[in-house]
Amino acid sequence: MNQRPEDLTDDELRALCNELTDRIDALDNDSDGAPDALVEQWAQANREESRRDALAARKAGRYSVTLDADGQEIEYELRATNEADAKVEVESGVEAMSKVSGMTVTVKQINGPITE
């Protein structure tokens, strides 16, 4: 990856995420799986895409959550439009993410809508 994901346009970032996913899927179907460096590139690109989606959600009046997943900070958009619903959504999401990924996931903060 020549450019950092945060320096890419939205379209370039989406294309990069798709390309890396395809490469990893192809390698996972082989014997040894994808190299760690490629998986890390994929994770960085997807974290940036998720951060941008969360920012857009907040600008549209919704909430997002910042999580710590085994030391990696990840921000996700939420469907919630009020704090009570955001808390419920976060609780179920953290539990599901922990079970599926096997990671230790904790909530750093719930981020409210951005009003300008």
PDB file of N, CA and C in Angstrom:
ATOM      1  N   MET A   1       0.856  -1.159   0.000  1.00  0.00           N
ATOM      2  CA  MET A   1       0.000   0.000   0.000  1.00  0.00           C
ATOM      3  C   MET A   1       0.904   1.223   0.000  1.00  0.00           C
ATOM      4  N   ASN A   2       0.820   2.016  -1.057  1.00  0.00           N
ATOM      5  CA  ASN A   2       1.677   3.181  -1.185  1.00  0.00           C
ATOM      6  C   ASN A   2       1.182   4.360  -0.371  1.00  0.00           C
ATOM      7  N   GLN A   3      -0.116   4.495  -0.226  1.00  0.00           N
ATOM      8  CA  GLN A   3      -0.687   5.605   0.515  1.00  0.00           C
ATOM      9  C   GLN A   3      -1.359   5.088   1.776  1.00  0.00           C
ATOM     10  N   ARG A   4      -1.380   5.947   2.788  1.00  0.00           N
ATOM     11  CA  ARG A   4      -2.103   5.589   4.007  1.00  0.00           C
ATOM     12  C   ARG A   4      -3.595   5.660   3.702  1.00  0.00           C
ATOM     13  N   PRO A   5      -4.386   4.767   4.284  1.00  0.00           N
ATOM     14  CA  PRO A   5      -5.829   4.773   4.007  1.00  0.00           C
ATOM     15  C   PRO A   5      -6.480   6.126   4.274  1.00  0.00           C
ATOM     16  N   GLU A   6      -6.025   6.834   5.299  1.00  0.00           N
ATOM     17  CA  GLU A   6      -6.636   8.123   5.622  1.00  0.00           C
ATOM     18  C   GLU A   6      -6.350   9.201   4.582  1.00  0.00           C
ATOM     19  N   ASP A   7      -5.396   8.955   3.684  1.00  0.00           N
ATOM     20  CA  ASP A   7      -5.075   9.919   2.625  1.00  0.00           C
ATOM     21  C   ASP A   7      -5.862   9.669   1.341  1.00  0.00           C
ATOM     22  N   LEU A   8      -6.600   8.575   1.278  1.00  0.00           N
ATOM     23  CA  LEU A   8      -7.335   8.207   0.071  1.00  0.00           C
ATOM     24  C   LEU A   8      -8.711   8.866   0.039  1.00  0.00           C
ATOM     25  N   THR A   9      -9.231   9.050  -1.164  1.00  0.00           N
ATOM     26  CA  THR A   9     -10.615   9.507  -1.298  1.00  0.00           C
ATOM     27  C   THR A   9     -11.534   8.356  -0.877  1.00  0.00           C
ATOM     28  N   ASP A  10     -12.803   8.650  -0.679  1.00  0.00           N
ATOM     29  CA  ASP A  10     -13.754   7.596  -0.301  1.00  0.00           C
ATOM     30  C   ASP A  10     -13.798   6.482  -1.340  1.00  0.00           C
ATOM     31  N   ASP A  11     -13.830   6.856  -2.619  1.00  0.00           N
ATOM     32  CA  ASP A  11     -13.873   5.847  -3.686  1.00  0.00           C
ATOM     33  C   ASP A  11     -12.593   5.017  -3.717  1.00  0.00           C
ATOM     34  N   GLU A  12     -11.448   5.672  -3.560  1.00  0.00           N
ATOM     35  CA  GLU A  12     -10.174   4.945  -3.546  1.00  0.00           C
ATOM     36  C   GLU A  12     -10.107   3.995  -2.352  1.00  0.00           C
ATOM     37  N   LEU A  13     -10.592   4.448  -1.208  1.00  0.00           N
ATOM     38  CA  LEU A  13     -10.571   3.613  -0.010  1.00  0.00           C
ATOM     39  C   LEU A  13     -11.472   2.395  -0.181  1.00  0.00           C
ATOM     40  N   ARG A  14     -12.667   2.594  -0.719  1.00  0.00           N
ATOM     41  CA  ARG A  14     -13.577   1.467  -0.965  1.00  0.00           C
ATOM     42  C   ARG A  14     -12.945   0.457  -1.929  1.00  0.00           C
ATOM     43  N   ALA A  15     -12.318   0.971  -2.976  1.00  0.00           N
ATOM     44  CA  ALA A  15     -11.662   0.087  -3.946  1.00  0.00           C
ATOM     45  C   ALA A  15     -10.526  -0.691  -3.283  1.00  0.00           C
ATOM     46  N   LEU A  16      -9.755  -0.013  -2.437  1.00  0.00           N
ATOM     47  CA  LEU A  16      -8.662  -0.681  -1.735  1.00  0.00           C
ATOM     48  C   LEU A  16      -9.199  -1.771  -0.809  1.00  0.00           C
ATOM     49  N   CYS A  17     -10.242  -1.460  -0.055  1.00  0.00           N
ATOM     50  CA  CYS A  17     -10.837  -2.466   0.841  1.00  0.00           C
ATOM     51  C   CYS A  17     -11.305  -3.688   0.055  1.00  0.00           C
ATOM     52  N   ASN A  18     -11.967  -3.451  -1.064  1.00  0.00           N
ATOM     53  CA  ASN A  18     -12.443  -4.563  -1.899  1.00  0.00           C
ATOM     54  C   ASN A  18     -11.283  -5.374  -2.461  1.00  0.00           C
ATOM     55  N   GLU A  19     -10.251  -4.679  -2.933  1.00  0.00           N
ATOM     56  CA  GLU A  19      -9.083  -5.369  -3.502  1.00  0.00           C
ATOM     57  C   GLU A  19      -8.397  -6.230  -2.445  1.00  0.00           C
ATOM     58  N   LEU A  20      -8.181  -5.670  -1.258  1.00  0.00           N
ATOM     59  CA  LEU A  20      -7.513  -6.423  -0.198  1.00  0.00           C
ATOM     60  C   LEU A  20      -8.358  -7.606   0.261  1.00  0.00           C
ATOM     61  N   THR A  21      -9.662  -7.420   0.341  1.00  0.00           N
ATOM     62  CA  THR A  21     -10.554  -8.521   0.711  1.00  0.00           C
ATOM     63  C   THR A  21     -10.459  -9.645  -0.312  1.00  0.00           C
ATOM     64  N   ASP A  22     -10.477  -9.292  -1.591  1.00  0.00           N
ATOM     65  CA  ASP A  22     -10.373 -10.301  -2.651  1.00  0.00           C
ATOM     66  C   ASP A  22      -9.043 -11.044  -2.576  1.00  0.00           C
ATOM     67  N   ARG A  23      -7.951 -10.310  -2.337  1.00  0.00           N
ATOM     68  CA  ARG A  23      -6.627 -10.946  -2.247  1.00  0.00           C
ATOM     69  C   ARG A  23      -6.559 -11.900  -1.058  1.00  0.00           C
ATOM     70  N   ILE A  24      -7.096 -11.459   0.072  1.00  0.00           N
ATOM     71  CA  ILE A  24      -7.072 -12.311   1.268  1.00  0.00           C
ATOM     72  C   ILE A  24      -7.945 -13.543   1.061  1.00  0.00           C
ATOM     73  N   ASP A  25      -9.125 -13.358   0.483  1.00  0.00           N
ATOM     74  CA  ASP A  25     -10.008 -14.498   0.212  1.00  0.00           C
ATOM     75  C   ASP A  25      -9.325 -15.516  -0.691  1.00  0.00           C
ATOM     76  N   ALA A  26      -8.645 -15.039  -1.726  1.00  0.00           N
ATOM     77  CA  ALA A  26      -7.952 -15.942  -2.649  1.00  0.00           C
ATOM     78  C   ALA A  26      -6.841 -16.704  -1.928  1.00  0.00           C
ATOM     79  N   LEU A  27      -6.094 -16.007  -1.081  1.00  0.00           N
ATOM     80  CA  LEU A  27      -5.007 -16.663  -0.349  1.00  0.00           C
ATOM     81  C   LEU A  27      -5.536 -17.610   0.721  1.00  0.00           C
ATOM     82  N   ASP A  28      -6.661 -17.260   1.330  1.00  0.00           N
ATOM     83  CA  ASP A  28      -7.248 -18.146   2.340  1.00  0.00           C
ATOM     84  C   ASP A  28      -7.735 -19.448   1.726  1.00  0.00           C
ATOM     85  N   ASN A  29      -8.083 -19.406   0.446  1.00  0.00           N
ATOM     86  CA  ASN A  29      -8.513 -20.622  -0.238  1.00  0.00           C
ATOM     87  C   ASN A  29      -7.329 -21.486  -0.636  1.00  0.00           C
ATOM     88  N   ASP A  30      -6.127 -20.897  -0.605  1.00  0.00           N
ATOM     89  CA  ASP A  30      -4.911 -21.674  -0.812  1.00  0.00           C
ATOM     90  C   ASP A  30      -4.576 -22.395   0.493  1.00  0.00           C
ATOM     91  N   SER A  31      -3.350 -22.818   0.611  1.00  0.00           N
ATOM     92  CA  SER A  31      -2.979 -23.616   1.773  1.00  0.00           C
ATOM     93  C   SER A  31      -2.601 -22.798   3.006  1.00  0.00           C
ATOM     94  N   ASP A  32      -1.718 -21.832   2.855  1.00  0.00           N
ATOM     95  CA  ASP A  32      -1.126 -21.180   4.023  1.00  0.00           C
ATOM     96  C   ASP A  32      -1.871 -19.952   4.520  1.00  0.00           C
ATOM     97  N   GLY A  33      -2.829 -19.455   3.776  1.00  0.00           N
ATOM     98  CA  GLY A  33      -3.544 -18.254   4.191  1.00  0.00           C
ATOM     99  C   GLY A  33      -2.787 -16.991   3.817  1.00  0.00           C
ATOM    100  N   ALA A  34      -3.339 -15.870   4.211  1.00  0.00           N
ATOM    101  CA  ALA A  34      -2.779 -14.568   3.849  1.00  0.00           C
ATOM    102  C   ALA A  34      -1.644 -14.184   4.798  1.00  0.00           C
ATOM    103  N   PRO A  35      -0.620 -13.506   4.261  1.00  0.00           N
ATOM    104  CA  PRO A  35       0.474 -13.032   5.115  1.00  0.00           C
ATOM    105  C   PRO A  35      -0.031 -11.988   6.115  1.00  0.00           C
ATOM    106  N   ASP A  36       0.608 -11.942   7.266  1.00  0.00           N
ATOM    107  CA  ASP A  36       0.203 -11.004   8.319  1.00  0.00           C
ATOM    108  C   ASP A  36       0.213  -9.557   7.842  1.00  0.00           C
ATOM    109  N   ALA A  37       1.188  -9.182   7.028  1.00  0.00           N
ATOM    110  CA  ALA A  37       1.282  -7.795   6.545  1.00  0.00           C
ATOM    111  C   ALA A  37       0.067  -7.428   5.699  1.00  0.00           C
ATOM    112  N   LEU A  38      -0.404  -8.358   4.893  1.00  0.00           N
ATOM    113  CA  LEU A  38      -1.581  -8.110   4.059  1.00  0.00           C
ATOM    114  C   LEU A  38      -2.836  -7.988   4.926  1.00  0.00           C
ATOM    115  N   VAL A  39      -2.946  -8.835   5.922  1.00  0.00           N
ATOM    116  CA  VAL A  39      -4.090  -8.774   6.837  1.00  0.00           C
ATOM    117  C   VAL A  39      -4.079  -7.446   7.592  1.00  0.00           C
ATOM    118  N   GLU A  40      -2.902  -6.972   7.991  1.00  0.00           N
ATOM    119  CA  GLU A  40      -2.808  -5.686   8.694  1.00  0.00           C
ATOM    120  C   GLU A  40      -3.199  -4.530   7.774  1.00  0.00           C
ATOM    121  N   GLN A  41      -2.793  -4.574   6.502  1.00  0.00           N
ATOM    122  CA  GLN A  41      -3.215  -3.542   5.535  1.00  0.00           C
ATOM    123  C   GLN A  41      -4.737  -3.526   5.420  1.00  0.00           C
ATOM    124  N   TRP A  42      -5.320  -4.713   5.316  1.00  0.00           N
ATOM    125  CA  TRP A  42      -6.773  -4.841   5.217  1.00  0.00           C
ATOM    126  C   TRP A  42      -7.447  -4.252   6.459  1.00  0.00           C
ATOM    127  N   ALA A  43      -6.909  -4.569   7.639  1.00  0.00           N
ATOM    128  CA  ALA A  43      -7.488  -4.073   8.890  1.00  0.00           C
ATOM    129  C   ALA A  43      -7.408  -2.550   8.966  1.00  0.00           C
ATOM    130  N   GLN A  44      -6.276  -1.976   8.578  1.00  0.00           N
ATOM    131  CA  GLN A  44      -6.120  -0.517   8.595  1.00  0.00           C
ATOM    132  C   GLN A  44      -7.116   0.149   7.657  1.00  0.00           C
ATOM    133  N   ALA A  45      -7.238  -0.379   6.468  1.00  0.00           N
ATOM    134  CA  ALA A  45      -8.156   0.201   5.482  1.00  0.00           C
ATOM    135  C   ALA A  45      -9.603   0.103   5.965  1.00  0.00           C
ATOM    136  N   ASN A  46      -9.965  -1.036   6.531  1.00  0.00           N
ATOM    137  CA  ASN A  46     -11.336  -1.205   7.017  1.00  0.00           C
ATOM    138  C   ASN A  46     -11.630  -0.352   8.247  1.00  0.00           C
ATOM    139  N   ARG A  47     -10.635  -0.156   9.114  1.00  0.00           N
ATOM    140  CA  ARG A  47     -10.832   0.748  10.260  1.00  0.00           C
ATOM    141  C   ARG A  47     -11.087   2.171   9.775  1.00  0.00           C
ATOM    142  N   GLU A  48     -10.352   2.602   8.754  1.00  0.00           N
ATOM    143  CA  GLU A  48     -10.551   3.958   8.218  1.00  0.00           C
ATOM    144  C   GLU A  48     -11.921   4.080   7.558  1.00  0.00           C
ATOM    145  N   GLU A  49     -12.329   3.070   6.812  1.00  0.00           N
ATOM    146  CA  GLU A  49     -13.651   3.105   6.184  1.00  0.00           C
ATOM    147  C   GLU A  49     -14.748   3.165   7.257  1.00  0.00           C
ATOM    148  N   SER A  50     -14.594   2.398   8.312  1.00  0.00           N
ATOM    149  CA  SER A  50     -15.569   2.391   9.398  1.00  0.00           C
ATOM    150  C   SER A  50     -15.601   3.746  10.106  1.00  0.00           C
ATOM    151  N   ARG A  51     -14.428   4.362  10.304  1.00  0.00           N
ATOM    152  CA  ARG A  51     -14.360   5.679  10.941  1.00  0.00           C
ATOM    153  C   ARG A  51     -15.118   6.711  10.118  1.00  0.00           C
ATOM    154  N   ARG A  52     -14.935   6.665   8.797  1.00  0.00           N
ATOM    155  CA  ARG A  52     -15.627   7.613   7.914  1.00  0.00           C
ATOM    156  C   ARG A  52     -17.137   7.387   7.938  1.00  0.00           C
ATOM    157  N   ASP A  53     -17.544   6.129   7.940  1.00  0.00           N
ATOM    158  CA  ASP A  53     -18.978   5.819   8.019  1.00  0.00           C
ATOM    159  C   ASP A  53     -19.565   6.333   9.334  1.00  0.00           C
ATOM    160  N   ALA A  54     -18.812   6.185  10.419  1.00  0.00           N
ATOM    161  CA  ALA A  54     -19.274   6.660  11.725  1.00  0.00           C
ATOM    162  C   ALA A  54     -19.401   8.180  11.737  1.00  0.00           C
ATOM    163  N   LEU A  55     -18.452   8.865  11.140  1.00  0.00           N
ATOM    164  CA  LEU A  55     -18.507  10.327  11.068  1.00  0.00           C
ATOM    165  C   LEU A  55     -19.724  10.780  10.267  1.00  0.00           C
ATOM    166  N   ALA A  56     -19.979  10.116   9.153  1.00  0.00           N
ATOM    167  CA  ALA A  56     -21.148  10.455   8.326  1.00  0.00           C
ATOM    168  C   ALA A  56     -22.443  10.220   9.107  1.00  0.00           C
ATOM    169  N   ALA A  57     -22.491   9.144   9.871  1.00  0.00           N
ATOM    170  CA  ALA A  57     -23.681   8.853  10.680  1.00  0.00           C
ATOM    171  C   ALA A  57     -23.906   9.952  11.708  1.00  0.00           C
ATOM    172  N   ARG A  58     -22.843  10.388  12.346  1.00  0.00           N
ATOM    173  CA  ARG A  58     -22.967  11.439  13.367  1.00  0.00           C
ATOM    174  C   ARG A  58     -23.409  12.757  12.744  1.00  0.00           C
ATOM    175  N   LYS A  59     -22.926  13.048  11.558  1.00  0.00           N
ATOM    176  CA  LYS A  59     -23.342  14.276  10.869  1.00  0.00           C
ATOM    177  C   LYS A  59     -24.806  14.196  10.445  1.00  0.00           C
ATOM    178  N   ALA A  60     -25.319  12.974  10.297  1.00  0.00           N
ATOM    179  CA  ALA A  60     -26.718  12.766   9.905  1.00  0.00           C
ATOM    180  C   ALA A  60     -27.643  12.646  11.124  1.00  0.00           C
ATOM    181  N   GLY A  61     -27.109  12.909  12.320  1.00  0.00           N
ATOM    182  CA  GLY A  61     -27.944  12.900  13.513  1.00  0.00           C
ATOM    183  C   GLY A  61     -27.970  11.596  14.282  1.00  0.00           C
ATOM    184  N   ARG A  62     -27.095  10.656  13.902  1.00  0.00           N
ATOM    185  CA  ARG A  62     -27.049   9.369  14.596  1.00  0.00           C
ATOM    186  C   ARG A  62     -25.831   9.320  15.522  1.00  0.00           C
ATOM    187  N   TYR A  63     -25.656   8.197  16.166  1.00  0.00           N
ATOM    188  CA  TYR A  63     -24.563   7.990  17.110  1.00  0.00           C
ATOM    189  C   TYR A  63     -23.517   7.051  16.513  1.00  0.00           C
ATOM    190  N   SER A  64     -22.338   7.053  17.136  1.00  0.00           N
ATOM    191  CA  SER A  64     -21.315   6.062  16.822  1.00  0.00           C
ATOM    192  C   SER A  64     -20.710   5.607  18.141  1.00  0.00           C
ATOM    193  N   VAL A  65     -19.909   4.567  18.079  1.00  0.00           N
ATOM    194  CA  VAL A  65     -19.234   4.072  19.272  1.00  0.00           C
ATOM    195  C   VAL A  65     -17.763   3.868  18.937  1.00  0.00           C
ATOM    196  N   THR A  66     -16.917   4.214  19.888  1.00  0.00           N
ATOM    197  CA  THR A  66     -15.487   3.947  19.774  1.00  0.00           C
ATOM    198  C   THR A  66     -15.186   2.771  20.690  1.00  0.00           C
ATOM    199  N   LEU A  67     -14.641   1.718  20.104  1.00  0.00           N
ATOM    200  CA  LEU A  67     -14.345   0.487  20.834  1.00  0.00           C
ATOM    201  C   LEU A  67     -12.848   0.247  20.893  1.00  0.00           C
ATOM    202  N   ASP A  68     -12.439  -0.535  21.866  1.00  0.00           N
ATOM    203  CA  ASP A  68     -11.086  -1.063  21.929  1.00  0.00           C
ATOM    204  C   ASP A  68     -11.226  -2.572  21.756  1.00  0.00           C
ATOM    205  N   ALA A  69     -10.635  -3.083  20.698  1.00  0.00           N
ATOM    206  CA  ALA A  69     -10.676  -4.520  20.427  1.00  0.00           C
ATOM    207  C   ALA A  69      -9.241  -5.039  20.441  1.00  0.00           C
ATOM    208  N   ASP A  70      -8.872  -5.649  21.550  1.00  0.00           N
ATOM    209  CA  ASP A  70      -7.504  -6.142  21.740  1.00  0.00           C
ATOM    210  C   ASP A  70      -6.463  -5.075  21.415  1.00  0.00           C
ATOM    211  N   GLY A  71      -6.685  -3.870  21.904  1.00  0.00           N
ATOM    212  CA  GLY A  71      -5.720  -2.786  21.734  1.00  0.00           C
ATOM    213  C   GLY A  71      -5.879  -1.960  20.480  1.00  0.00           C
ATOM    214  N   GLN A  72      -6.774  -2.354  19.599  1.00  0.00           N
ATOM    215  CA  GLN A  72      -7.017  -1.602  18.366  1.00  0.00           C
ATOM    216  C   GLN A  72      -8.275  -0.759  18.533  1.00  0.00           C
ATOM    217  N   GLU A  73      -8.147   0.548  18.292  1.00  0.00           N
ATOM    218  CA  GLU A  73      -9.309   1.424  18.389  1.00  0.00           C
ATOM    219  C   GLU A  73     -10.098   1.368  17.092  1.00  0.00           C
ATOM    220  N   ILE A  74     -11.402   1.150  17.226  1.00  0.00           N
ATOM    221  CA  ILE A  74     -12.288   1.038  16.071  1.00  0.00           C
ATOM    222  C   ILE A  74     -13.535   1.864  16.358  1.00  0.00           C
ATOM    223  N   GLU A  75     -13.956   2.655  15.381  1.00  0.00           N
ATOM    224  CA  GLU A  75     -15.186   3.422  15.539  1.00  0.00           C
ATOM    225  C   GLU A  75     -16.222   2.883  14.562  1.00  0.00           C
ATOM    226  N   TYR A  76     -17.421   2.621  15.078  1.00  0.00           N
ATOM    227  CA  TYR A  76     -18.506   2.086  14.265  1.00  0.00           C
ATOM    228  C   TYR A  76     -19.704   3.018  14.306  1.00  0.00           C
ATOM    229  N   GLU A  77     -20.408   3.097  13.190  1.00  0.00           N
ATOM    230  CA  GLU A  77     -21.654   3.856  13.160  1.00  0.00           C
ATOM    231  C   GLU A  77     -22.745   3.043  13.841  1.00  0.00           C
ATOM    232  N   LEU A  78     -23.693   3.742  14.427  1.00  0.00           N
ATOM    233  CA  LEU A  78     -24.854   3.105  15.034  1.00  0.00           C
ATOM    234  C   LEU A  78     -26.108   3.570  14.308  1.00  0.00           C
ATOM    235  N   ARG A  79     -27.176   2.807  14.429  1.00  0.00           N
ATOM    236  CA  ARG A  79     -28.461   3.213  13.853  1.00  0.00           C
ATOM    237  C   ARG A  79     -29.212   4.151  14.786  1.00  0.00           C
ATOM    238  N   ALA A  80     -28.822   4.161  16.047  1.00  0.00           N
ATOM    239  CA  ALA A  80     -29.535   4.905  17.086  1.00  0.00           C
ATOM    240  C   ALA A  80     -29.521   6.411  16.839  1.00  0.00           C
ATOM    241  N   THR A  81     -30.649   7.026  17.188  1.00  0.00           N
ATOM    242  CA  THR A  81     -30.770   8.482  17.085  1.00  0.00           C
ATOM    243  C   THR A  81     -30.947   9.125  18.459  1.00  0.00           C
ATOM    244  N   ASN A  82     -30.858   8.308  19.522  1.00  0.00           N
ATOM    245  CA  ASN A  82     -30.885   8.854  20.881  1.00  0.00           C
ATOM    246  C   ASN A  82     -29.949   8.021  21.756  1.00  0.00           C
ATOM    247  N   GLU A  83     -29.564   8.607  22.883  1.00  0.00           N
ATOM    248  CA  GLU A  83     -28.551   7.979  23.726  1.00  0.00           C
ATOM    249  C   GLU A  83     -29.001   6.637  24.307  1.00  0.00           C
ATOM    250  N   ALA A  84     -30.251   6.544  24.712  1.00  0.00           N
ATOM    251  CA  ALA A  84     -30.749   5.289  25.293  1.00  0.00           C
ATOM    252  C   ALA A  84     -30.667   4.146  24.282  1.00  0.00           C
ATOM    253  N   ASP A  85     -31.107   4.397  23.063  1.00  0.00           N
ATOM    254  CA  ASP A  85     -31.036   3.369  22.021  1.00  0.00           C
ATOM    255  C   ASP A  85     -29.586   3.048  21.666  1.00  0.00           C
ATOM    256  N   ALA A  86     -28.727   4.064  21.690  1.00  0.00           N
ATOM    257  CA  ALA A  86     -27.308   3.846  21.392  1.00  0.00           C
ATOM    258  C   ALA A  86     -26.693   2.892  22.414  1.00  0.00           C
ATOM    259  N   LYS A  87     -27.014   3.082  23.684  1.00  0.00           N
ATOM    260  CA  LYS A  87     -26.465   2.209  24.732  1.00  0.00           C
ATOM    261  C   LYS A  87     -26.908   0.766  24.541  1.00  0.00           C
ATOM    262  N   VAL A  88     -28.174   0.562  24.205  1.00  0.00           N
ATOM    263  CA  VAL A  88     -28.689  -0.790  23.976  1.00  0.00           C
ATOM    264  C   VAL A  88     -27.991  -1.416  22.768  1.00  0.00           C
ATOM    265  N   GLU A  89     -27.871  -0.652  21.695  1.00  0.00           N
ATOM    266  CA  GLU A  89     -27.225  -1.157  20.481  1.00  0.00           C
ATOM    267  C   GLU A  89     -25.764  -1.510  20.742  1.00  0.00           C
ATOM    268  N   VAL A  90     -25.083  -0.674  21.516  1.00  0.00           N
ATOM    269  CA  VAL A  90     -23.673  -0.917  21.830  1.00  0.00           C
ATOM    270  C   VAL A  90     -23.514  -2.180  22.669  1.00  0.00           C
ATOM    271  N   GLU A  91     -24.350  -2.357  23.671  1.00  0.00           N
ATOM    272  CA  GLU A  91     -24.254  -3.545  24.529  1.00  0.00           C
ATOM    273  C   GLU A  91     -24.361  -4.829  23.721  1.00  0.00           C
ATOM    274  N   SER A  92     -25.358  -4.909  22.856  1.00  0.00           N
ATOM    275  CA  SER A  92     -25.526  -6.134  22.069  1.00  0.00           C
ATOM    276  C   SER A  92     -24.412  -6.277  21.038  1.00  0.00           C
ATOM    277  N   GLY A  93     -23.970  -5.167  20.465  1.00  0.00           N
ATOM    278  CA  GLY A  93     -22.904  -5.216  19.466  1.00  0.00           C
ATOM    279  C   GLY A  93     -21.573  -5.662  20.035  1.00  0.00           C
ATOM    280  N   VAL A  94     -21.241  -5.167  21.226  1.00  0.00           N
ATOM    281  CA  VAL A  94     -19.980  -5.546  21.870  1.00  0.00           C
ATOM    282  C   VAL A  94     -19.984  -7.030  22.206  1.00  0.00           C
ATOM    283  N   GLU A  95     -21.087  -7.503  22.727  1.00  0.00           N
ATOM    284  CA  GLU A  95     -21.193  -8.924  23.066  1.00  0.00           C
ATOM    285  C   GLU A  95     -21.043  -9.795  21.815  1.00  0.00           C
ATOM    286  N   ALA A  96     -21.734  -9.423  20.747  1.00  0.00           N
ATOM    287  CA  ALA A  96     -21.651 -10.193  19.500  1.00  0.00           C
ATOM    288  C   ALA A  96     -20.243 -10.149  18.918  1.00  0.00           C
ATOM    289  N   MET A  97     -19.634  -8.962  18.906  1.00  0.00           N
ATOM    290  CA  MET A  97     -18.287  -8.830  18.348  1.00  0.00           C
ATOM    291  C   MET A  97     -17.289  -9.671  19.136  1.00  0.00           C
ATOM    292  N   SER A  98     -17.413  -9.682  20.456  1.00  0.00           N
ATOM    293  CA  SER A  98     -16.517 -10.480  21.295  1.00  0.00           C
ATOM    294  C   SER A  98     -16.656 -11.965  20.998  1.00  0.00           C
ATOM    295  N   LYS A  99     -17.905 -12.428  20.880  1.00  0.00           N
ATOM    296  CA  LYS A  99     -18.145 -13.851  20.622  1.00  0.00           C
ATOM    297  C   LYS A  99     -17.628 -14.272  19.253  1.00  0.00           C
ATOM    298  N   VAL A 100     -17.910 -13.458  18.236  1.00  0.00           N
ATOM    299  CA  VAL A 100     -17.531 -13.819  16.867  1.00  0.00           C
ATOM    300  C   VAL A 100     -16.023 -13.739  16.658  1.00  0.00           C
ATOM    301  N   SER A 101     -15.398 -12.689  17.181  1.00  0.00           N
ATOM    302  CA  SER A 101     -13.979 -12.455  16.912  1.00  0.00           C
ATOM    303  C   SER A 101     -13.049 -13.130  17.907  1.00  0.00           C
ATOM    304  N   GLY A 102     -13.556 -13.424  19.104  1.00  0.00           N
ATOM    305  CA  GLY A 102     -12.695 -13.971  20.140  1.00  0.00           C
ATOM    306  C   GLY A 102     -11.818 -12.910  20.799  1.00  0.00           C
ATOM    307  N   MET A 103     -12.030 -11.652  20.452  1.00  0.00           N
ATOM    308  CA  MET A 103     -11.241 -10.558  21.012  1.00  0.00           C
ATOM    309  C   MET A 103     -11.896 -10.039  22.289  1.00  0.00           C
ATOM    310  N   THR A 104     -11.089  -9.361  23.083  1.00  0.00           N
ATOM    311  CA  THR A 104     -11.613  -8.628  24.225  1.00  0.00           C
ATOM    312  C   THR A 104     -12.030  -7.259  23.710  1.00  0.00           C
ATOM    313  N   VAL A 105     -13.310  -6.957  23.783  1.00  0.00           N
ATOM    314  CA  VAL A 105     -13.854  -5.713  23.236  1.00  0.00           C
ATOM    315  C   VAL A 105     -14.445  -4.897  24.375  1.00  0.00           C
ATOM    316  N   THR A 106     -13.991  -3.649  24.486  1.00  0.00           N
ATOM    317  CA  THR A 106     -14.529  -2.744  25.497  1.00  0.00           C
ATOM    318  C   THR A 106     -14.954  -1.440  24.833  1.00  0.00           C
ATOM    319  N   VAL A 107     -15.905  -0.782  25.462  1.00  0.00           N
ATOM    320  CA  VAL A 107     -16.408   0.494  24.957  1.00  0.00           C
ATOM    321  C   VAL A 107     -15.529   1.608  25.504  1.00  0.00           C
ATOM    322  N   LYS A 108     -14.972   2.403  24.597  1.00  0.00           N
ATOM    323  CA  LYS A 108     -14.221   3.582  25.025  1.00  0.00           C
ATOM    324  C   LYS A 108     -15.175   4.750  25.227  1.00  0.00           C
ATOM    325  N   GLN A 109     -16.075   4.944  24.258  1.00  0.00           N
ATOM    326  CA  GLN A 109     -17.077   6.003  24.405  1.00  0.00           C
ATOM    327  C   GLN A 109     -18.154   5.881  23.342  1.00  0.00           C
ATOM    328  N   ILE A 110     -19.316   6.406  23.696  1.00  0.00           N
ATOM    329  CA  ILE A 110     -20.406   6.551  22.735  1.00  0.00           C
ATOM    330  C   ILE A 110     -20.374   7.997  22.272  1.00  0.00           C
ATOM    331  N   ASN A 111     -20.370   8.187  20.967  1.00  0.00           N
ATOM    332  CA  ASN A 111     -20.246   9.516  20.372  1.00  0.00           C
ATOM    333  C   ASN A 111     -21.599   9.977  19.859  1.00  0.00           C
ATOM    334  N   GLY A 112     -22.016  11.150  20.304  1.00  0.00           N
ATOM    335  CA  GLY A 112     -23.301  11.695  19.902  1.00  0.00           C
ATOM    336  C   GLY A 112     -23.256  12.361  18.545  1.00  0.00           C
ATOM    337  N   PRO A 113     -24.416  12.770  18.066  1.00  0.00           N
ATOM    338  CA  PRO A 113     -24.505  13.457  16.777  1.00  0.00           C
ATOM    339  C   PRO A 113     -23.669  14.737  16.770  1.00  0.00           C
ATOM    340  N   ILE A 114     -23.193  15.081  15.602  1.00  0.00           N
ATOM    341  CA  ILE A 114     -22.444  16.323  15.424  1.00  0.00           C
ATOM    342  C   ILE A 114     -23.430  17.380  14.957  1.00  0.00           C
ATOM    343  N   THR A 115     -23.531  18.433  15.723  1.00  0.00           N
ATOM    344  CA  THR A 115     -24.408  19.539  15.338  1.00  0.00           C
ATOM    345  C   THR A 115     -23.535  20.722  14.962  1.00  0.00           C
ATOM    346  N   GLU A 116     -23.776  21.237  13.797  1.00  0.00           N
ATOM    347  CA  GLU A 116     -22.947  22.355  13.318  1.00  0.00           C
ATOM    348  C   GLU A 116     -23.751  23.609  13.202  1.00  0.00           C
TER     349      GLU A 116
END
